[in-house]
Amino acid sequence: MSLPANVQRFEALLYASLMLDAVSVAVQDRTPNAAVTEQMIMTGTLLAGGMILLLLYFVRLAAHHRKNWPRWVLGAALVLSVISLGQIIGEKGLELDSAIEIVSCALTTMGLYFSFSGDAQGWFNA
């Protein structure tokens, strides 16, 4: 059985968003200082990479294995990302990595919209 068009759009947009998240992690400022050690920076980078891999798995579960709960987890992750992004922009202003995150959040929002609309509605199991 082939994927419905909206599920394909959901999958493509979420994969593009996660690719941008990986780029955002790559361009983050990793300069150690008195408050942030190299070990803390490495741990944060590894955690971000692990989270990206987990979210990739959730997109696959939703799109190809027709699971409903990963879409809700991805939506919750989007809400947390927007809150975090707002705090970062308020603290540091608009930088390259936060601009990339804005585009990533927009892609995720569009992808999740497609997963809940049109021919995708009957695709996911409860």
C-alpha atoms as a PDB file:
ATOM      1  CA  MET A   1       0.000   0.000   0.000  1.00  0.00           C
ATOM      2  CA  SER A   2       1.406   3.372  -0.987  1.00  0.00           C
ATOM      3  CA  LEU A   3       1.515   6.384   1.292  1.00  0.00           C
ATOM      4  CA  PRO A   4      -1.241   8.996   0.900  1.00  0.00           C
ATOM      5  CA  ALA A   5      -0.063  12.344  -0.486  1.00  0.00           C
ATOM      6  CA  ASN A   6      -0.459  14.202   2.812  1.00  0.00           C
ATOM      7  CA  VAL A   7       1.511  11.514   4.664  1.00  0.00           C
ATOM      8  CA  GLN A   8       4.295  11.882   2.082  1.00  0.00           C
ATOM      9  CA  ARG A   9       4.269  15.652   2.615  1.00  0.00           C
ATOM     10  CA  PHE A  10       4.333  15.136   6.398  1.00  0.00           C
ATOM     11  CA  GLU A  11       7.310  12.797   6.113  1.00  0.00           C
ATOM     12  CA  ALA A  12       9.263  15.032   3.716  1.00  0.00           C
ATOM     13  CA  LEU A  13       8.674  18.202   5.739  1.00  0.00           C
ATOM     14  CA  LEU A  14       9.581  16.560   9.050  1.00  0.00           C
ATOM     15  CA  TYR A  15      12.756  15.042   7.582  1.00  0.00           C
ATOM     16  CA  ALA A  16      13.697  18.466   6.170  1.00  0.00           C
ATOM     17  CA  SER A  17      13.024  20.035   9.578  1.00  0.00           C
ATOM     18  CA  LEU A  18      15.216  17.480  11.341  1.00  0.00           C
ATOM     19  CA  MET A  19      17.967  18.034   8.780  1.00  0.00           C
ATOM     20  CA  LEU A  20      17.832  21.745   9.587  1.00  0.00           C
ATOM     21  CA  ASP A  21      17.949  20.892  13.295  1.00  0.00           C
ATOM     22  CA  ALA A  22      21.167  18.973  12.656  1.00  0.00           C
ATOM     23  CA  VAL A  23      22.599  21.971  10.789  1.00  0.00           C
ATOM     24  CA  SER A  24      21.525  24.234  13.657  1.00  0.00           C
ATOM     25  CA  VAL A  25      23.374  22.056  16.156  1.00  0.00           C
ATOM     26  CA  ALA A  26      26.436  22.144  13.898  1.00  0.00           C
ATOM     27  CA  VAL A  27      26.553  25.962  13.750  1.00  0.00           C
ATOM     28  CA  GLN A  28      25.874  26.620  17.437  1.00  0.00           C
ATOM     29  CA  ASP A  29      28.452  28.583  19.380  1.00  0.00           C
ATOM     30  CA  ARG A  30      30.570  26.007  21.192  1.00  0.00           C
ATOM     31  CA  THR A  31      33.028  28.366  22.843  1.00  0.00           C
ATOM     32  CA  PRO A  32      33.777  27.216  26.390  1.00  0.00           C
ATOM     33  CA  ASN A  33      33.779  29.835  29.127  1.00  0.00           C
ATOM     34  CA  ALA A  34      33.598  29.986  32.925  1.00  0.00           C
ATOM     35  CA  ALA A  35      29.930  28.933  32.984  1.00  0.00           C
ATOM     36  CA  VAL A  36      30.086  26.319  30.193  1.00  0.00           C
ATOM     37  CA  THR A  37      32.864  23.723  30.044  1.00  0.00           C
ATOM     38  CA  GLU A  38      33.901  21.649  27.032  1.00  0.00           C
ATOM     39  CA  GLN A  39      32.355  18.568  28.616  1.00  0.00           C
ATOM     40  CA  MET A  40      29.009  20.344  29.022  1.00  0.00           C
ATOM     41  CA  ILE A  41      29.128  21.453  25.386  1.00  0.00           C
ATOM     42  CA  MET A  42      29.941  17.919  24.206  1.00  0.00           C
ATOM     43  CA  THR A  43      27.148  16.447  26.321  1.00  0.00           C
ATOM     44  CA  GLY A  44      24.631  18.946  24.962  1.00  0.00           C
ATOM     45  CA  THR A  45      25.685  18.253  21.387  1.00  0.00           C
ATOM     46  CA  LEU A  46      25.420  14.483  21.857  1.00  0.00           C
ATOM     47  CA  LEU A  47      22.012  14.829  23.515  1.00  0.00           C
ATOM     48  CA  ALA A  48      20.791  16.990  20.618  1.00  0.00           C
ATOM     49  CA  GLY A  49      22.043  14.409  18.117  1.00  0.00           C
ATOM     50  CA  GLY A  50      20.359  11.596  20.035  1.00  0.00           C
ATOM     51  CA  MET A  51      17.100  13.542  20.156  1.00  0.00           C
ATOM     52  CA  ILE A  52      17.235  14.142  16.401  1.00  0.00           C
ATOM     53  CA  LEU A  53      17.707  10.399  15.817  1.00  0.00           C
ATOM     54  CA  LEU A  54      14.788   9.591  18.118  1.00  0.00           C
ATOM     55  CA  LEU A  55      12.541  12.065  16.309  1.00  0.00           C
ATOM     56  CA  LEU A  56      13.600  10.550  12.957  1.00  0.00           C
ATOM     57  CA  TYR A  57      12.423   7.191  14.290  1.00  0.00           C
ATOM     58  CA  PHE A  58       9.104   8.741  15.365  1.00  0.00           C
ATOM     59  CA  VAL A  59       8.531  10.180  11.874  1.00  0.00           C
ATOM     60  CA  ARG A  60       9.170   6.736  10.407  1.00  0.00           C
ATOM     61  CA  LEU A  61       6.809   5.102  12.909  1.00  0.00           C
ATOM     62  CA  ALA A  62       4.063   7.567  12.074  1.00  0.00           C
ATOM     63  CA  ALA A  63       4.452   7.543   8.296  1.00  0.00           C
ATOM     64  CA  HIS A  64       5.278   3.920   7.520  1.00  0.00           C
ATOM     65  CA  HIS A  65       3.958   1.989  10.500  1.00  0.00           C
ATOM     66  CA  ARG A  66       0.752   4.035  10.743  1.00  0.00           C
ATOM     67  CA  LYS A  67       1.161   4.835  14.426  1.00  0.00           C
ATOM     68  CA  ASN A  68      -0.788   7.765  15.810  1.00  0.00           C
ATOM     69  CA  TRP A  69       1.062   8.464  19.066  1.00  0.00           C
ATOM     70  CA  PRO A  70       4.350   9.592  17.416  1.00  0.00           C
ATOM     71  CA  ARG A  71       2.480  12.478  15.759  1.00  0.00           C
ATOM     72  CA  TRP A  72       1.400  13.692  19.196  1.00  0.00           C
ATOM     73  CA  VAL A  73       4.937  13.318  20.548  1.00  0.00           C
ATOM     74  CA  LEU A  74       6.235  15.306  17.572  1.00  0.00           C
ATOM     75  CA  GLY A  75       3.611  17.973  18.260  1.00  0.00           C
ATOM     76  CA  ALA A  76       4.662  18.160  21.920  1.00  0.00           C
ATOM     77  CA  ALA A  77       8.304  18.419  20.830  1.00  0.00           C
ATOM     78  CA  LEU A  78       7.318  21.291  18.526  1.00  0.00           C
ATOM     79  CA  VAL A  79       5.624  23.147  21.393  1.00  0.00           C
ATOM     80  CA  LEU A  80       8.719  22.700  23.572  1.00  0.00           C
ATOM     81  CA  SER A  81      10.961  23.832  20.707  1.00  0.00           C
ATOM     82  CA  VAL A  82       8.931  27.006  20.182  1.00  0.00           C
ATOM     83  CA  ILE A  83       9.049  27.816  23.904  1.00  0.00           C
ATOM     84  CA  SER A  84      12.805  27.192  24.000  1.00  0.00           C
ATOM     85  CA  LEU A  85      13.324  29.214  20.833  1.00  0.00           C
ATOM     86  CA  GLY A  86      11.437  32.146  22.320  1.00  0.00           C
ATOM     87  CA  GLN A  87      13.640  32.065  25.407  1.00  0.00           C
ATOM     88  CA  ILE A  88      16.845  31.843  23.366  1.00  0.00           C
ATOM     89  CA  ILE A  89      15.849  34.723  21.087  1.00  0.00           C
ATOM     90  CA  GLY A  90      14.873  36.792  24.126  1.00  0.00           C
ATOM     91  CA  GLU A  91      18.230  36.105  25.754  1.00  0.00           C
ATOM     92  CA  LYS A  92      20.676  36.225  22.836  1.00  0.00           C
ATOM     93  CA  GLY A  93      18.717  37.829  20.017  1.00  0.00           C
ATOM     94  CA  LEU A  94      18.371  36.444  16.525  1.00  0.00           C
ATOM     95  CA  GLU A  95      21.470  34.467  15.518  1.00  0.00           C
ATOM     96  CA  LEU A  96      22.123  32.020  12.683  1.00  0.00           C
ATOM     97  CA  ASP A  97      21.203  28.926  14.671  1.00  0.00           C
ATOM     98  CA  SER A  98      17.982  30.492  15.976  1.00  0.00           C
ATOM     99  CA  ALA A  99      17.025  31.635  12.458  1.00  0.00           C
ATOM    100  CA  ILE A 100      17.508  28.060  11.256  1.00  0.00           C
ATOM    101  CA  GLU A 101      15.343  26.863  14.155  1.00  0.00           C
ATOM    102  CA  ILE A 102      12.558  29.246  13.134  1.00  0.00           C
ATOM    103  CA  VAL A 103      12.496  27.703   9.652  1.00  0.00           C
ATOM    104  CA  SER A 104      12.651  24.233  11.205  1.00  0.00           C
ATOM    105  CA  CYS A 105       9.658  24.977  13.442  1.00  0.00           C
ATOM    106  CA  ALA A 106       7.713  26.296  10.451  1.00  0.00           C
ATOM    107  CA  LEU A 107       8.462  23.116   8.469  1.00  0.00           C
ATOM    108  CA  THR A 108       7.416  20.955  11.411  1.00  0.00           C
ATOM    109  CA  THR A 109       4.178  22.913  11.803  1.00  0.00           C
ATOM    110  CA  MET A 110       3.338  22.466   8.124  1.00  0.00           C
ATOM    111  CA  GLY A 111       4.231  18.773   8.247  1.00  0.00           C
ATOM    112  CA  LEU A 112       2.075  18.151  11.300  1.00  0.00           C
ATOM    113  CA  TYR A 113      -0.776  20.038   9.645  1.00  0.00           C
ATOM    114  CA  PHE A 114      -0.573  17.652   6.685  1.00  0.00           C
ATOM    115  CA  SER A 115      -0.544  14.649   9.016  1.00  0.00           C
ATOM    116  CA  PHE A 116      -3.873  15.700  10.531  1.00  0.00           C
ATOM    117  CA  SER A 117      -5.651  16.768   7.330  1.00  0.00           C
ATOM    118  CA  GLY A 118      -6.888  15.457   4.016  1.00  0.00           C
ATOM    119  CA  ASP A 119      -6.144  11.888   3.028  1.00  0.00           C
ATOM    120  CA  ALA A 120      -3.873  11.392   6.069  1.00  0.00           C
ATOM    121  CA  GLN A 121      -6.813  11.366   8.502  1.00  0.00           C
ATOM    122  CA  GLY A 122      -7.646   7.701   7.947  1.00  0.00           C
ATOM    123  CA  TRP A 123      -4.045   6.540   7.666  1.00  0.00           C
ATOM    124  CA  PHE A 124      -2.979   6.504  11.296  1.00  0.00           C
ATOM    125  CA  ASN A 125      -4.082   3.878  13.798  1.00  0.00           C
ATOM    126  CA  ALA A 126      -5.224   5.038  17.210  1.00  0.00           C
END
